[in-house]
C-alpha atoms as a PDB file:
ATOM      1  CA  MET A   1     -12.019  12.967   1.634  1.00  0.00           C
ATOM      2  CA  VAL A   2     -11.402   9.288   0.861  1.00  0.00           C
ATOM      3  CA  GLN A   3     -14.287   6.943   1.595  1.00  0.00           C
ATOM      4  CA  LEU A   4     -12.789   3.458   2.059  1.00  0.00           C
ATOM      5  CA  GLU A   5     -16.171   1.960   1.832  1.00  0.00           C
ATOM      6  CA  ASP A   6     -16.139   2.838  -1.852  1.00  0.00           C
ATOM      7  CA  TYR A   7     -13.568   0.093  -2.287  1.00  0.00           C
ATOM      8  CA  GLY A   8     -16.242  -2.463  -1.669  1.00  0.00           C
ATOM      9  CA  THR A   9     -16.502  -5.834  -0.078  1.00  0.00           C
ATOM     10  CA  TRP A  10     -13.475  -7.962   0.763  1.00  0.00           C
ATOM     11  CA  GLU A  11     -13.567  -9.690  -2.650  1.00  0.00           C
ATOM     12  CA  GLU A  12     -14.130  -6.400  -4.515  1.00  0.00           C
ATOM     13  CA  ALA A  13     -11.154  -4.813  -2.786  1.00  0.00           C
ATOM     14  CA  LEU A  14      -8.975  -7.741  -3.601  1.00  0.00           C
ATOM     15  CA  LYS A  15     -10.115  -7.543  -7.281  1.00  0.00           C
ATOM     16  CA  ARG A  16      -9.185  -3.837  -7.245  1.00  0.00           C
ATOM     17  CA  LEU A  17      -5.808  -4.723  -5.950  1.00  0.00           C
ATOM     18  CA  GLU A  18      -5.372  -7.249  -8.737  1.00  0.00           C
ATOM     19  CA  ALA A  19      -6.386  -4.763 -11.370  1.00  0.00           C
ATOM     20  CA  SER A  20      -4.187  -1.958 -10.014  1.00  0.00           C
ATOM     21  CA  ARG A  21      -1.178  -4.248  -9.791  1.00  0.00           C
ATOM     22  CA  GLU A  22      -1.579  -5.374 -13.343  1.00  0.00           C
ATOM     23  CA  ALA A  23      -1.695  -1.733 -14.463  1.00  0.00           C
ATOM     24  CA  LEU A  24       1.231  -0.695 -12.247  1.00  0.00           C
ATOM     25  CA  LEU A  25       3.456  -3.506 -13.477  1.00  0.00           C
ATOM     26  CA  ALA A  26       2.596  -2.845 -17.127  1.00  0.00           C
ATOM     27  CA  LEU A  27       3.397   0.829 -16.647  1.00  0.00           C
ATOM     28  CA  LEU A  28       6.655   0.167 -14.957  1.00  0.00           C
ATOM     29  CA  ARG A  29       7.741  -2.394 -17.612  1.00  0.00           C
ATOM     30  CA  GLU A  30       6.761  -0.205 -20.521  1.00  0.00           C
ATOM     31  CA  ALA A  31       8.190   3.038 -19.190  1.00  0.00           C
ATOM     32  CA  ASP A  32      11.317   4.730 -20.425  1.00  0.00           C
ATOM     33  CA  PRO A  33      14.061   3.924 -17.988  1.00  0.00           C
ATOM     34  CA  ALA A  34      14.971   7.707 -17.729  1.00  0.00           C
ATOM     35  CA  TRP A  35      11.428   8.498 -16.589  1.00  0.00           C
ATOM     36  CA  LEU A  36      11.472   5.841 -13.960  1.00  0.00           C
ATOM     37  CA  ALA A  37      14.564   7.476 -12.335  1.00  0.00           C
ATOM     38  CA  THR A  38      13.358  11.057 -12.647  1.00  0.00           C
ATOM     39  CA  PRO A  39      11.535  12.675  -9.737  1.00  0.00           C
ATOM     40  CA  LEU A  40       7.872  13.321 -10.598  1.00  0.00           C
ATOM     41  CA  ARG A  41       8.318  16.983  -9.619  1.00  0.00           C
ATOM     42  CA  GLU A  42      10.703  19.094  -7.563  1.00  0.00           C
ATOM     43  CA  GLY A  43      11.572  17.267  -4.324  1.00  0.00           C
ATOM     44  CA  ALA A  44       9.316  14.341  -5.093  1.00  0.00           C
ATOM     45  CA  TRP A  45      10.076  10.613  -5.406  1.00  0.00           C
ATOM     46  CA  THR A  46      10.895   8.939  -8.732  1.00  0.00           C
ATOM     47  CA  PRO A  47       8.380   6.433 -10.216  1.00  0.00           C
ATOM     48  CA  LEU A  48      10.632   3.575  -8.993  1.00  0.00           C
ATOM     49  CA  MET A  49      10.551   5.084  -5.461  1.00  0.00           C
ATOM     50  CA  VAL A  50       6.887   5.342  -5.657  1.00  0.00           C
ATOM     51  CA  ALA A  51       6.649   1.630  -6.590  1.00  0.00           C
ATOM     52  CA  GLU A  52       9.090   0.742  -3.828  1.00  0.00           C
ATOM     53  CA  HIS A  53       6.792   2.660  -1.366  1.00  0.00           C
ATOM     54  CA  VAL A  54       3.731   0.734  -2.593  1.00  0.00           C
ATOM     55  CA  ALA A  55       5.563  -2.489  -1.865  1.00  0.00           C
ATOM     56  CA  LEU A  56       6.601  -1.328   1.642  1.00  0.00           C
ATOM     57  CA  VAL A  57       3.012  -0.306   2.348  1.00  0.00           C
ATOM     58  CA  GLU A  58       1.644  -3.632   1.211  1.00  0.00           C
ATOM     59  CA  ASP A  59       4.152  -5.511   3.290  1.00  0.00           C
ATOM     60  CA  SER A  60       3.148  -3.388   6.330  1.00  0.00           C
ATOM     61  CA  THR A  61      -0.539  -4.127   5.531  1.00  0.00           C
ATOM     62  CA  ALA A  62       0.137  -7.804   5.462  1.00  0.00           C
ATOM     63  CA  ARG A  63       1.854  -7.652   8.891  1.00  0.00           C
ATOM     64  CA  VAL A  64      -1.226  -5.800  10.197  1.00  0.00           C
ATOM     65  CA  LEU A  65      -3.549  -8.466   8.793  1.00  0.00           C
ATOM     66  CA  ARG A  66      -1.384 -11.083  10.492  1.00  0.00           C
ATOM     67  CA  ARG A  67      -1.662  -9.196  13.807  1.00  0.00           C
ATOM     68  CA  LEU A  68      -5.416  -8.844  13.435  1.00  0.00           C
ATOM     69  CA  ARG A  69      -5.661 -12.601  12.747  1.00  0.00           C
ATOM     70  CA  ARG A  70      -3.720 -13.389  15.893  1.00  0.00           C
ATOM     71  CA  VAL A  71      -5.954 -11.000  17.981  1.00  0.00           C
ATOM     72  CA  ALA A  72      -9.043 -12.624  16.528  1.00  0.00           C
ATOM     73  CA  ALA A  73      -7.673 -16.091  17.620  1.00  0.00           C
ATOM     74  CA  GLY A  74      -7.472 -14.780  21.147  1.00  0.00           C
ATOM     75  CA  GLU A  75      -3.826 -14.175  21.313  1.00  0.00           C
ATOM     76  CA  SER A  76      -2.663 -11.412  23.727  1.00  0.00           C
ATOM     77  CA  LEU A  77      -0.252  -9.164  21.977  1.00  0.00           C
ATOM     78  CA  PRO A  78       1.843  -6.192  23.384  1.00  0.00           C
ATOM     79  CA  PRO A  79       0.376  -2.857  22.291  1.00  0.00           C
ATOM     80  CA  VAL A  80       2.017  -0.980  19.483  1.00  0.00           C
ATOM     81  CA  PRO A  81       2.599   2.658  19.888  1.00  0.00           C
ATOM     82  CA  PHE A  82       0.310   4.623  17.503  1.00  0.00           C
ATOM     83  CA  VAL A  83       1.912   7.417  15.501  1.00  0.00           C
ATOM     84  CA  PRO A  84      -0.556   9.545  13.705  1.00  0.00           C
ATOM     85  CA  GLY A  85       0.115  10.457  10.072  1.00  0.00           C
ATOM     86  CA  GLU A  86       1.677  13.831   9.272  1.00  0.00           C
ATOM     87  CA  PHE A  87       0.748  16.179   6.500  1.00  0.00           C
ATOM     88  CA  LYS A  88       2.901  18.677   4.643  1.00  0.00           C
ATOM     89  CA  ASP A  89       1.265  21.349   2.376  1.00  0.00           C
ATOM     90  CA  GLY A  90      -1.966  19.376   2.862  1.00  0.00           C
ATOM     91  CA  ARG A  91      -0.412  16.164   1.587  1.00  0.00           C
ATOM     92  CA  PRO A  92      -0.088  13.030   3.655  1.00  0.00           C
ATOM     93  CA  GLN A  93       3.559  12.093   4.294  1.00  0.00           C
ATOM     94  CA  ALA A  94       4.677   8.508   4.253  1.00  0.00           C
ATOM     95  CA  PRO A  95       5.555   7.226   7.786  1.00  0.00           C
ATOM     96  CA  GLU A  96       9.169   6.479   8.286  1.00  0.00           C
ATOM     97  CA  GLY A  97       8.816   2.748   7.945  1.00  0.00           C
ATOM     98  CA  VAL A  98       7.381   2.913   4.439  1.00  0.00           C
ATOM     99  CA  ARG A  99       9.584   5.614   2.922  1.00  0.00           C
ATOM    100  CA  PRO A 100      11.555   4.243   0.012  1.00  0.00           C
ATOM    101  CA  LYS A 101      15.374   4.024   0.175  1.00  0.00           C
ATOM    102  CA  GLY A 102      15.605   4.753  -3.606  1.00  0.00           C
ATOM    103  CA  GLY A 103      18.320   3.750  -5.945  1.00  0.00           C
ATOM    104  CA  LEU A 104      16.905   0.341  -6.615  1.00  0.00           C
ATOM    105  CA  PRO A 105      16.811  -0.978 -10.263  1.00  0.00           C
ATOM    106  CA  LEU A 106      13.556  -1.841 -11.834  1.00  0.00           C
ATOM    107  CA  GLU A 107      14.016  -5.599 -11.436  1.00  0.00           C
ATOM    108  CA  GLU A 108      14.561  -5.165  -7.661  1.00  0.00           C
ATOM    109  CA  VAL A 109      11.445  -3.067  -7.325  1.00  0.00           C
ATOM    110  CA  LEU A 110       9.457  -5.611  -9.353  1.00  0.00           C
ATOM    111  CA  ALA A 111      10.728  -8.289  -6.998  1.00  0.00           C
ATOM    112  CA  LEU A 112       9.721  -6.332  -3.956  1.00  0.00           C
ATOM    113  CA  LEU A 113       6.241  -5.715  -5.377  1.00  0.00           C
ATOM    114  CA  ALA A 114       5.820  -9.484  -6.050  1.00  0.00           C
ATOM    115  CA  LYS A 115       7.020 -10.464  -2.580  1.00  0.00           C
ATOM    116  CA  ALA A 116       4.792  -7.968  -0.800  1.00  0.00           C
ATOM    117  CA  ARG A 117       1.719  -8.989  -2.888  1.00  0.00           C
ATOM    118  CA  THR A 118       2.359 -12.691  -2.166  1.00  0.00           C
ATOM    119  CA  PHE A 119       2.564 -11.866   1.569  1.00  0.00           C
ATOM    120  CA  LEU A 120      -0.538  -9.813   1.512  1.00  0.00           C
ATOM    121  CA  LEU A 121      -2.584 -12.395  -0.347  1.00  0.00           C
ATOM    122  CA  GLU A 122      -1.346 -15.160   1.998  1.00  0.00           C
ATOM    123  CA  GLU A 123      -2.455 -13.141   5.081  1.00  0.00           C
ATOM    124  CA  ALA A 124      -5.722 -12.095   3.408  1.00  0.00           C
ATOM    125  CA  ALA A 125      -6.543 -15.785   2.671  1.00  0.00           C
ATOM    126  CA  GLN A 126      -6.273 -16.438   6.453  1.00  0.00           C
ATOM    127  CA  ALA A 127      -8.001 -13.256   7.638  1.00  0.00           C
ATOM    128  CA  ASP A 128     -11.553 -12.848   8.798  1.00  0.00           C
ATOM    129  CA  PRO A 129     -12.909  -9.732   7.154  1.00  0.00           C
ATOM    130  CA  GLN A 130     -16.002  -9.745   9.504  1.00  0.00           C
ATOM    131  CA  HIS A 131     -13.982  -9.844  12.697  1.00  0.00           C
ATOM    132  CA  PRO A 132     -14.276  -6.555  14.632  1.00  0.00           C
ATOM    133  CA  ALA A 133     -10.654  -6.471  15.781  1.00  0.00           C
ATOM    134  CA  THR A 134      -8.978  -3.195  14.736  1.00  0.00           C
ATOM    135  CA  PHE A 135      -5.574  -1.767  14.304  1.00  0.00           C
ATOM    136  CA  PRO A 136      -4.927   2.017  13.881  1.00  0.00           C
ATOM    137  CA  HIS A 137      -4.002   3.313  10.402  1.00  0.00           C
ATOM    138  CA  PRO A 138      -1.934   6.615  10.488  1.00  0.00           C
ATOM    139  CA  PHE A 139      -4.453   8.435   8.334  1.00  0.00           C
ATOM    140  CA  PHE A 140      -7.724   6.545   8.577  1.00  0.00           C
ATOM    141  CA  GLY A 141      -7.841   5.601  12.224  1.00  0.00           C
ATOM    142  CA  GLU A 142      -8.935   2.279  13.595  1.00  0.00           C
ATOM    143  CA  LEU A 143      -9.527  -0.181  10.805  1.00  0.00           C
ATOM    144  CA  THR A 144     -10.678  -3.799  10.720  1.00  0.00           C
ATOM    145  CA  ALA A 145      -8.989  -6.281   8.323  1.00  0.00           C
ATOM    146  CA  LEU A 146     -11.508  -5.218   5.686  1.00  0.00           C
ATOM    147  CA  GLY A 147     -10.544  -1.599   6.226  1.00  0.00           C
ATOM    148  CA  TRP A 148      -6.889  -2.391   5.858  1.00  0.00           C
ATOM    149  CA  VAL A 149      -7.495  -4.289   2.491  1.00  0.00           C
ATOM    150  CA  ARG A 150      -9.657  -1.288   1.289  1.00  0.00           C
ATOM    151  CA  ALA A 151      -6.908   1.163   2.293  1.00  0.00           C
ATOM    152  CA  ALA A 152      -4.295  -0.954   0.370  1.00  0.00           C
ATOM    153  CA  ALA A 153      -6.642  -0.847  -2.699  1.00  0.00           C
ATOM    154  CA  TYR A 154      -7.016   2.892  -2.312  1.00  0.00           C
ATOM    155  CA  HIS A 155      -3.315   3.506  -1.782  1.00  0.00           C
ATOM    156  CA  GLU A 156      -2.061   1.490  -4.789  1.00  0.00           C
ATOM    157  CA  ALA A 157      -4.743   3.114  -7.083  1.00  0.00           C
ATOM    158  CA  HIS A 158      -3.897   6.605  -5.752  1.00  0.00           C
ATOM    159  CA  HIS A 159      -0.203   6.172  -6.640  1.00  0.00           C
ATOM    160  CA  LEU A 160      -1.070   4.432  -9.867  1.00  0.00           C
ATOM    161  CA  ARG A 161      -3.205   7.371 -11.113  1.00  0.00           C
ATOM    162  CA  ALA A 162      -0.363   9.859 -10.177  1.00  0.00           C
ATOM    163  CA  LEU A 163       2.143   7.735 -12.164  1.00  0.00           C
ATOM    164  CA  GLN A 164      -0.153   7.390 -15.154  1.00  0.00           C
ATOM    165  CA  ALA A 165      -0.776  11.163 -15.217  1.00  0.00           C
ATOM    166  CA  SER A 166       3.027  11.827 -15.085  1.00  0.00           C
ATOM    167  CA  TRP A 167       3.749   9.294 -17.697  1.00  0.00           C
ATOM    168  CA  ALA A 168       1.030  10.750 -20.035  1.00  0.00           C
ATOM    169  CA  ARG A 169       2.801  14.196 -19.954  1.00  0.00           C
END
């Protein structure tokens, strides 16, 4: 089971995100274009789809950080329905809003990654990692801003490891 606390303090989690992004971008840029467009296994996403998914999750995380900041500032926001994460064959399945469309060329995926990271860092710069406000994560439950940044660090590292293992084959 994943222990998000292992991803450290606010600053440590942000540094992990920086390191994993550097590695992900290097892998994507150096990879054979045919590999980037080939599913990782039967019925799985391609590496480009995985990277698109990472960007979608990061954009979603930034929106959660913005919401938590607004709640911390005393703003009354309408509730958001919680949809628990689903598993298939013991593997977590991406919620509908963060599933990749696919078919995007490398340059578009790189642009999505850059845009999502900028948004995440902008929101992180304004967030209060110590504030107790929470928002439910589909797989980890109620998380504070710190928990969401840790989850983002875990998520990108998880997918990066899978891509690196596939590329090494």
